[in-house]
């Protein structure tokens, strides 16, 4: 395994800077791997995220709540939802009380797509996380929580 300094061919000042550079670099690597994994299903990672949010809730959810729960915040969540509606993966309805409020819900077709994705092996991702112990995963997760807090 190459160090981050070798990967980017650059000298890093200290361990804290190394941590952040490594985090950003590795995040990009993981995003790229996930894009490759999800691309055969003809949805974007953000659309996948919306589908998972809706599956997890199981009922009508306002678009504002969907936006709040997204892993990668997206100012164009409505456009992403529109594309999912066109693909018949979610459905939309307006609130009777306030027409500005839009609710969305995953369809049977959307649930079937997620089930198909869930059963597909992502060998690269499994190889990546197999190198990390549960204790290491918890430690890094706790550090990331601390950074955001």
N, C-alpha and C. Protein backbone atom coordinates (compact mmCIF):
# COMPACT_ATOMS: atom_id res chain seq x y z
N UNK A 1 0.85 -1.18 0.00
CA UNK A 1 0.00 0.00 0.00
C UNK A 1 0.89 1.24 0.00
N UNK A 2 0.67 2.10 -0.97
CA UNK A 2 1.46 3.32 -1.08
C UNK A 2 0.94 4.38 -0.12
N UNK A 3 1.84 5.16 0.42
CA UNK A 3 1.43 6.26 1.29
C UNK A 3 0.78 7.35 0.44
N UNK A 4 0.04 8.22 1.10
CA UNK A 4 -0.63 9.30 0.38
C UNK A 4 0.39 10.21 -0.29
N UNK A 5 1.55 10.40 0.33
CA UNK A 5 2.59 11.24 -0.27
C UNK A 5 3.04 10.67 -1.61
N UNK A 6 3.16 9.35 -1.69
CA UNK A 6 3.56 8.71 -2.94
C UNK A 6 2.42 8.74 -3.96
N UNK A 7 1.19 8.56 -3.48
CA UNK A 7 0.03 8.56 -4.38
C UNK A 7 -0.10 9.89 -5.10
N UNK A 8 0.09 10.99 -4.37
CA UNK A 8 -0.09 12.31 -4.98
C UNK A 8 1.22 12.97 -5.36
N UNK A 9 2.32 12.28 -5.07
CA UNK A 9 3.66 12.77 -5.41
C UNK A 9 3.90 14.18 -4.85
N UNK A 10 3.67 14.30 -3.54
CA UNK A 10 3.79 15.59 -2.90
C UNK A 10 4.20 15.40 -1.44
N UNK A 11 4.90 16.40 -0.89
CA UNK A 11 5.29 16.35 0.52
C UNK A 11 4.18 17.00 1.35
N UNK A 12 3.86 16.35 2.46
CA UNK A 12 2.81 16.85 3.34
C UNK A 12 3.46 17.36 4.62
N UNK A 13 2.97 18.48 5.12
CA UNK A 13 3.60 19.21 6.23
C UNK A 13 3.56 18.45 7.55
N UNK A 14 2.37 17.99 7.97
CA UNK A 14 2.26 17.32 9.27
C UNK A 14 1.16 16.26 9.22
N UNK A 15 0.98 15.54 10.30
CA UNK A 15 0.03 14.44 10.34
C UNK A 15 -1.42 14.89 10.19
N UNK A 16 -1.75 16.06 10.70
CA UNK A 16 -3.12 16.54 10.56
C UNK A 16 -3.43 16.87 9.10
N UNK A 17 -2.48 17.52 8.43
CA UNK A 17 -2.67 17.81 7.01
C UNK A 17 -2.72 16.49 6.22
N UNK A 18 -1.86 15.55 6.58
CA UNK A 18 -1.84 14.23 5.93
C UNK A 18 -3.20 13.56 6.07
N UNK A 19 -3.78 13.64 7.27
CA UNK A 19 -5.09 13.05 7.52
C UNK A 19 -6.14 13.64 6.58
N UNK A 20 -6.19 14.96 6.49
CA UNK A 20 -7.22 15.61 5.67
C UNK A 20 -6.99 15.32 4.18
N UNK A 21 -5.75 15.41 3.72
CA UNK A 21 -5.44 15.11 2.32
C UNK A 21 -5.81 13.66 2.01
N UNK A 22 -5.44 12.76 2.91
CA UNK A 22 -5.74 11.35 2.73
C UNK A 22 -7.24 11.11 2.70
N UNK A 23 -7.96 11.80 3.57
CA UNK A 23 -9.41 11.68 3.63
C UNK A 23 -10.06 12.11 2.32
N UNK A 24 -9.65 13.26 1.81
CA UNK A 24 -10.21 13.79 0.56
C UNK A 24 -9.86 12.86 -0.61
N UNK A 25 -8.62 12.43 -0.67
CA UNK A 25 -8.16 11.55 -1.76
C UNK A 25 -8.92 10.23 -1.72
N UNK A 26 -9.01 9.63 -0.54
CA UNK A 26 -9.68 8.34 -0.41
C UNK A 26 -11.18 8.46 -0.66
N UNK A 27 -11.77 9.57 -0.25
CA UNK A 27 -13.17 9.82 -0.52
C UNK A 27 -13.43 9.84 -2.03
N UNK A 28 -12.56 10.49 -2.76
CA UNK A 28 -12.68 10.51 -4.22
C UNK A 28 -12.58 9.12 -4.82
N UNK A 29 -11.68 8.32 -4.29
CA UNK A 29 -11.50 6.94 -4.75
C UNK A 29 -12.77 6.13 -4.50
N UNK A 30 -13.34 6.26 -3.31
CA UNK A 30 -14.56 5.51 -2.97
C UNK A 30 -15.73 5.98 -3.83
N UNK A 31 -15.84 7.29 -4.05
CA UNK A 31 -16.91 7.82 -4.91
C UNK A 31 -16.80 7.25 -6.32
N UNK A 32 -15.58 7.19 -6.83
CA UNK A 32 -15.36 6.65 -8.17
C UNK A 32 -15.75 5.17 -8.24
N UNK A 33 -15.37 4.42 -7.22
CA UNK A 33 -15.74 3.00 -7.17
C UNK A 33 -17.26 2.85 -7.13
N UNK A 34 -17.92 3.68 -6.33
CA UNK A 34 -19.37 3.58 -6.23
C UNK A 34 -20.04 3.98 -7.53
N UNK A 35 -19.53 5.01 -8.19
CA UNK A 35 -20.08 5.41 -9.50
C UNK A 35 -20.00 4.25 -10.49
N UNK A 36 -18.86 3.56 -10.50
CA UNK A 36 -18.70 2.40 -11.39
C UNK A 36 -19.70 1.30 -11.05
N UNK A 37 -19.90 1.10 -9.75
CA UNK A 37 -20.82 0.05 -9.29
C UNK A 37 -22.27 0.36 -9.66
N UNK A 38 -22.68 1.61 -9.52
CA UNK A 38 -24.09 1.99 -9.70
C UNK A 38 -24.45 2.29 -11.15
N UNK A 39 -23.46 2.59 -11.99
CA UNK A 39 -23.75 3.03 -13.37
C UNK A 39 -24.56 2.04 -14.21
N UNK A 40 -24.41 0.72 -14.07
CA UNK A 40 -25.24 -0.17 -14.88
C UNK A 40 -26.74 -0.04 -14.61
N UNK A 41 -27.11 0.53 -13.48
CA UNK A 41 -28.52 0.66 -13.12
C UNK A 41 -29.13 1.97 -13.63
N UNK A 42 -28.33 2.76 -14.30
CA UNK A 42 -28.77 4.00 -14.94
C UNK A 42 -29.41 4.99 -13.96
N UNK A 43 -28.83 5.04 -12.76
CA UNK A 43 -29.19 6.08 -11.79
C UNK A 43 -27.89 6.63 -11.24
N UNK A 44 -27.96 7.86 -10.75
CA UNK A 44 -26.78 8.49 -10.17
C UNK A 44 -26.68 8.10 -8.69
N UNK A 45 -25.52 8.29 -8.09
CA UNK A 45 -25.41 8.03 -6.65
C UNK A 45 -26.40 8.84 -5.83
N UNK A 46 -26.67 10.08 -6.24
CA UNK A 46 -27.62 10.92 -5.52
C UNK A 46 -29.05 10.36 -5.66
N UNK A 47 -29.39 9.88 -6.84
CA UNK A 47 -30.71 9.26 -7.04
C UNK A 47 -30.82 7.99 -6.21
N UNK A 48 -29.75 7.22 -6.15
CA UNK A 48 -29.70 6.01 -5.31
C UNK A 48 -29.95 6.39 -3.86
N UNK A 49 -29.33 7.47 -3.42
CA UNK A 49 -29.50 7.95 -2.05
C UNK A 49 -30.96 8.30 -1.77
N UNK A 50 -31.61 8.97 -2.70
CA UNK A 50 -33.03 9.32 -2.54
C UNK A 50 -33.87 8.05 -2.44
N UNK A 51 -33.61 7.08 -3.29
CA UNK A 51 -34.36 5.83 -3.25
C UNK A 51 -34.19 5.14 -1.90
N UNK A 52 -32.98 5.10 -1.39
CA UNK A 52 -32.73 4.44 -0.09
C UNK A 52 -33.42 5.19 1.05
N UNK A 53 -33.42 6.50 0.99
CA UNK A 53 -34.12 7.29 2.01
C UNK A 53 -35.60 6.94 2.00
N UNK A 54 -36.18 6.89 0.81
CA UNK A 54 -37.61 6.61 0.70
C UNK A 54 -37.93 5.17 1.09
N UNK A 55 -37.07 4.25 0.75
CA UNK A 55 -37.29 2.86 1.17
C UNK A 55 -37.23 2.76 2.69
N UNK A 56 -36.27 3.45 3.28
CA UNK A 56 -36.11 3.40 4.73
C UNK A 56 -37.30 3.96 5.47
N UNK A 57 -37.92 4.98 4.91
CA UNK A 57 -39.08 5.58 5.56
C UNK A 57 -40.35 4.77 5.28
N UNK A 58 -40.48 4.30 4.06
CA UNK A 58 -41.60 3.43 3.71
C UNK A 58 -42.92 4.12 3.44
N UNK A 59 -42.96 5.43 3.52
CA UNK A 59 -44.22 6.14 3.30
C UNK A 59 -43.92 7.46 2.58
N UNK A 60 -44.95 8.26 2.38
CA UNK A 60 -44.77 9.56 1.76
C UNK A 60 -43.86 10.41 2.64
N UNK A 61 -42.94 11.11 1.99
CA UNK A 61 -41.97 11.94 2.70
C UNK A 61 -41.85 13.25 1.96
N UNK A 62 -41.78 14.36 2.67
CA UNK A 62 -41.65 15.66 1.99
C UNK A 62 -40.25 15.75 1.38
N UNK A 63 -40.18 16.47 0.28
CA UNK A 63 -38.88 16.66 -0.38
C UNK A 63 -37.91 17.39 0.54
N UNK A 64 -38.41 18.25 1.41
CA UNK A 64 -37.52 18.94 2.35
C UNK A 64 -36.83 17.95 3.29
N UNK A 65 -37.57 16.96 3.76
CA UNK A 65 -36.98 15.94 4.63
C UNK A 65 -35.99 15.09 3.84
N UNK A 66 -36.33 14.75 2.61
CA UNK A 66 -35.41 13.98 1.76
C UNK A 66 -34.10 14.74 1.61
N UNK A 67 -34.19 16.05 1.32
CA UNK A 67 -32.99 16.88 1.16
C UNK A 67 -32.15 16.88 2.43
N UNK A 68 -32.80 16.98 3.59
CA UNK A 68 -32.07 16.98 4.87
C UNK A 68 -31.34 15.68 5.12
N UNK A 69 -31.91 14.57 4.68
CA UNK A 69 -31.34 13.24 4.96
C UNK A 69 -30.30 12.80 3.95
N UNK A 70 -30.16 13.51 2.85
CA UNK A 70 -29.21 13.09 1.81
C UNK A 70 -27.78 13.13 2.34
N UNK A 71 -27.02 12.12 1.98
CA UNK A 71 -25.62 12.03 2.39
C UNK A 71 -24.84 13.17 1.77
N UNK A 72 -25.02 13.34 0.48
CA UNK A 72 -24.36 14.42 -0.25
C UNK A 72 -25.44 15.45 -0.56
N UNK A 73 -25.42 16.55 0.16
CA UNK A 73 -26.46 17.57 -0.01
C UNK A 73 -26.48 18.06 -1.45
N UNK A 74 -27.68 18.17 -2.01
CA UNK A 74 -27.80 18.53 -3.41
C UNK A 74 -28.84 19.64 -3.58
N UNK A 75 -28.43 20.76 -4.15
CA UNK A 75 -29.39 21.83 -4.38
C UNK A 75 -30.40 21.47 -5.47
N UNK A 76 -30.09 20.45 -6.25
CA UNK A 76 -30.99 20.07 -7.34
C UNK A 76 -31.73 18.76 -7.03
N UNK A 77 -32.07 18.54 -5.76
CA UNK A 77 -32.78 17.33 -5.36
C UNK A 77 -34.11 17.19 -6.08
N UNK A 78 -34.78 18.30 -6.34
CA UNK A 78 -36.06 18.25 -7.05
C UNK A 78 -35.86 17.72 -8.46
N UNK A 79 -34.80 18.18 -9.13
CA UNK A 79 -34.51 17.68 -10.48
C UNK A 79 -34.17 16.19 -10.44
N UNK A 80 -33.41 15.77 -9.43
CA UNK A 80 -33.08 14.35 -9.27
C UNK A 80 -34.36 13.53 -9.08
N UNK A 81 -35.27 14.06 -8.27
CA UNK A 81 -36.56 13.38 -8.04
C UNK A 81 -37.37 13.33 -9.33
N UNK A 82 -37.35 14.41 -10.11
CA UNK A 82 -38.08 14.42 -11.38
C UNK A 82 -37.61 13.29 -12.29
N UNK A 83 -36.31 13.06 -12.33
CA UNK A 83 -35.77 11.98 -13.16
C UNK A 83 -36.21 10.61 -12.64
N UNK A 84 -36.28 10.47 -11.32
CA UNK A 84 -36.75 9.20 -10.75
C UNK A 84 -38.23 8.99 -11.04
N UNK A 85 -38.99 10.07 -11.08
CA UNK A 85 -40.42 9.99 -11.42
C UNK A 85 -40.57 9.56 -12.87
N UNK A 86 -39.75 10.14 -13.77
CA UNK A 86 -39.80 9.76 -15.19
C UNK A 86 -39.50 8.27 -15.37
N UNK A 87 -38.62 7.74 -14.54
CA UNK A 87 -38.26 6.32 -14.61
C UNK A 87 -39.24 5.44 -13.84
N UNK A 88 -40.27 6.06 -13.25
CA UNK A 88 -41.30 5.39 -12.48
C UNK A 88 -40.74 4.67 -11.24
N UNK A 89 -39.67 5.24 -10.68
CA UNK A 89 -39.07 4.66 -9.48
C UNK A 89 -39.62 5.30 -8.21
N UNK A 90 -40.15 6.51 -8.34
CA UNK A 90 -40.84 7.17 -7.23
C UNK A 90 -42.08 7.86 -7.79
N UNK A 91 -42.98 8.22 -6.90
CA UNK A 91 -44.14 9.01 -7.30
C UNK A 91 -44.22 10.25 -6.42
N UNK A 92 -44.97 11.24 -6.91
CA UNK A 92 -45.03 12.54 -6.22
C UNK A 92 -46.48 12.96 -6.05
N UNK A 93 -46.74 13.68 -4.96
CA UNK A 93 -48.04 14.32 -4.77
C UNK A 93 -47.85 15.60 -3.98
N UNK A 94 -48.70 16.56 -4.23
CA UNK A 94 -48.65 17.83 -3.52
C UNK A 94 -49.54 17.77 -2.28
N UNK A 95 -49.17 18.53 -1.29
CA UNK A 95 -49.96 18.61 -0.06
C UNK A 95 -51.27 19.33 -0.36
N UNK A 96 -52.35 18.82 0.21
CA UNK A 96 -53.64 19.50 0.05
C UNK A 96 -53.66 20.80 0.86
N UNK A 97 -52.96 20.81 1.99
CA UNK A 97 -52.95 21.98 2.87
C UNK A 97 -52.08 23.10 2.33
N UNK A 98 -50.95 22.73 1.68
CA UNK A 98 -50.02 23.74 1.17
C UNK A 98 -49.44 23.22 -0.14
N UNK A 99 -49.88 23.77 -1.24
CA UNK A 99 -49.48 23.27 -2.58
C UNK A 99 -47.98 23.40 -2.85
N UNK A 100 -47.29 24.20 -2.03
CA UNK A 100 -45.84 24.32 -2.21
C UNK A 100 -45.09 23.10 -1.68
N UNK A 101 -45.74 22.34 -0.80
CA UNK A 101 -45.11 21.17 -0.19
C UNK A 101 -45.33 19.96 -1.10
N UNK A 102 -44.23 19.29 -1.43
CA UNK A 102 -44.27 18.14 -2.32
C UNK A 102 -43.84 16.91 -1.53
N UNK A 103 -44.62 15.84 -1.67
CA UNK A 103 -44.30 14.57 -1.04
C UNK A 103 -43.89 13.57 -2.11
N UNK A 104 -42.96 12.68 -1.77
CA UNK A 104 -42.54 11.63 -2.69
C UNK A 104 -42.57 10.29 -1.95
N UNK A 105 -42.70 9.23 -2.74
CA UNK A 105 -42.75 7.87 -2.19
C UNK A 105 -42.15 6.92 -3.21
N UNK A 106 -41.42 5.94 -2.74
CA UNK A 106 -40.82 4.96 -3.64
C UNK A 106 -41.91 4.04 -4.19
N UNK A 107 -41.77 3.64 -5.44
CA UNK A 107 -42.74 2.74 -6.07
C UNK A 107 -42.25 1.30 -5.95
N UNK A 108 -43.10 0.39 -6.35
CA UNK A 108 -42.73 -1.04 -6.36
C UNK A 108 -41.52 -1.24 -7.27
N UNK A 109 -41.50 -0.56 -8.41
CA UNK A 109 -40.37 -0.66 -9.34
C UNK A 109 -39.08 -0.14 -8.69
N UNK A 110 -39.19 0.93 -7.92
CA UNK A 110 -38.03 1.45 -7.19
C UNK A 110 -37.53 0.46 -6.16
N UNK A 111 -38.46 -0.17 -5.43
CA UNK A 111 -38.07 -1.19 -4.45
C UNK A 111 -37.39 -2.38 -5.12
N UNK A 112 -37.91 -2.77 -6.28
CA UNK A 112 -37.31 -3.88 -7.02
C UNK A 112 -35.90 -3.54 -7.48
N UNK A 113 -35.70 -2.31 -7.94
CA UNK A 113 -34.37 -1.89 -8.36
C UNK A 113 -33.40 -1.94 -7.18
N UNK A 114 -33.80 -1.41 -6.03
CA UNK A 114 -32.92 -1.45 -4.86
C UNK A 114 -32.61 -2.88 -4.43
N UNK A 115 -33.60 -3.76 -4.51
CA UNK A 115 -33.38 -5.17 -4.16
C UNK A 115 -32.35 -5.79 -5.09
N UNK A 116 -32.43 -5.44 -6.36
CA UNK A 116 -31.46 -5.94 -7.34
C UNK A 116 -30.05 -5.42 -7.02
N UNK A 117 -29.96 -4.15 -6.70
CA UNK A 117 -28.67 -3.54 -6.36
C UNK A 117 -28.12 -4.16 -5.08
N UNK A 118 -28.99 -4.39 -4.09
CA UNK A 118 -28.57 -4.97 -2.81
C UNK A 118 -27.93 -6.35 -2.99
N UNK A 119 -28.42 -7.11 -3.95
CA UNK A 119 -27.92 -8.48 -4.12
C UNK A 119 -26.65 -8.55 -4.97
N UNK A 120 -26.32 -7.48 -5.66
CA UNK A 120 -25.12 -7.49 -6.50
C UNK A 120 -23.88 -7.29 -5.64
N UNK A 121 -22.92 -8.15 -5.85
CA UNK A 121 -21.67 -8.04 -5.10
C UNK A 121 -20.83 -6.89 -5.63
N UNK A 122 -20.32 -6.10 -4.73
CA UNK A 122 -19.37 -5.05 -5.08
C UNK A 122 -18.02 -5.51 -4.55
N UNK A 123 -17.35 -6.32 -5.35
CA UNK A 123 -16.11 -6.97 -4.92
C UNK A 123 -15.04 -5.95 -4.53
N UNK A 124 -14.89 -4.89 -5.31
CA UNK A 124 -13.88 -3.88 -5.00
C UNK A 124 -14.12 -3.26 -3.63
N UNK A 125 -15.38 -2.94 -3.33
CA UNK A 125 -15.71 -2.32 -2.05
C UNK A 125 -15.46 -3.31 -0.91
N UNK A 126 -15.84 -4.56 -1.12
CA UNK A 126 -15.61 -5.57 -0.09
C UNK A 126 -14.12 -5.75 0.18
N UNK A 127 -13.30 -5.73 -0.88
CA UNK A 127 -11.85 -5.82 -0.70
C UNK A 127 -11.34 -4.63 0.09
N UNK A 128 -11.86 -3.46 -0.22
CA UNK A 128 -11.44 -2.23 0.45
C UNK A 128 -11.74 -2.29 1.94
N UNK A 129 -12.95 -2.64 2.31
CA UNK A 129 -13.31 -2.62 3.74
C UNK A 129 -12.79 -3.84 4.49
N UNK A 130 -12.42 -4.90 3.78
CA UNK A 130 -11.89 -6.09 4.46
C UNK A 130 -10.53 -5.81 5.10
N UNK A 131 -9.88 -4.74 4.69
CA UNK A 131 -8.56 -4.36 5.22
C UNK A 131 -8.68 -3.63 6.56
N UNK A 132 -9.91 -3.33 6.96
CA UNK A 132 -10.14 -2.52 8.15
C UNK A 132 -10.86 -3.35 9.20
N UNK A 133 -10.36 -3.30 10.42
CA UNK A 133 -11.02 -4.02 11.51
C UNK A 133 -12.24 -3.23 11.98
N UNK A 134 -13.18 -3.89 12.66
CA UNK A 134 -14.32 -3.16 13.21
C UNK A 134 -13.89 -2.05 14.17
N UNK A 135 -12.83 -2.29 14.93
CA UNK A 135 -12.34 -1.28 15.87
C UNK A 135 -11.78 -0.06 15.12
N UNK A 136 -11.04 -0.31 14.04
CA UNK A 136 -10.50 0.80 13.23
C UNK A 136 -11.63 1.59 12.58
N UNK A 137 -12.63 0.87 12.09
CA UNK A 137 -13.77 1.54 11.46
C UNK A 137 -14.48 2.44 12.46
N UNK A 138 -14.67 1.96 13.68
CA UNK A 138 -15.32 2.76 14.72
C UNK A 138 -14.48 3.98 15.07
N UNK A 139 -13.18 3.79 15.21
CA UNK A 139 -12.29 4.90 15.55
C UNK A 139 -12.35 6.01 14.50
N UNK A 140 -12.22 5.64 13.24
CA UNK A 140 -12.25 6.65 12.17
C UNK A 140 -13.62 7.31 12.12
N UNK A 141 -14.67 6.52 12.28
CA UNK A 141 -16.02 7.08 12.28
C UNK A 141 -16.19 8.08 13.42
N UNK A 142 -15.69 7.73 14.59
CA UNK A 142 -15.76 8.65 15.73
C UNK A 142 -14.97 9.93 15.46
N UNK A 143 -13.82 9.81 14.82
CA UNK A 143 -13.02 10.99 14.47
C UNK A 143 -13.77 11.88 13.50
N UNK A 144 -14.40 11.28 12.49
CA UNK A 144 -15.16 12.06 11.51
C UNK A 144 -16.35 12.75 12.17
N UNK A 145 -17.02 12.04 13.08
CA UNK A 145 -18.12 12.66 13.82
C UNK A 145 -17.61 13.85 14.60
N UNK A 146 -16.44 13.71 15.22
CA UNK A 146 -15.84 14.79 16.01
C UNK A 146 -15.52 16.00 15.12
N UNK A 147 -15.02 15.74 13.92
CA UNK A 147 -14.69 16.83 12.99
C UNK A 147 -15.94 17.62 12.61
N UNK A 148 -17.05 16.93 12.41
CA UNK A 148 -18.30 17.61 12.03
C UNK A 148 -18.95 18.30 13.20
N UNK A 149 -18.69 17.80 14.42
CA UNK A 149 -19.36 18.32 15.62
C UNK A 149 -18.78 19.61 16.02
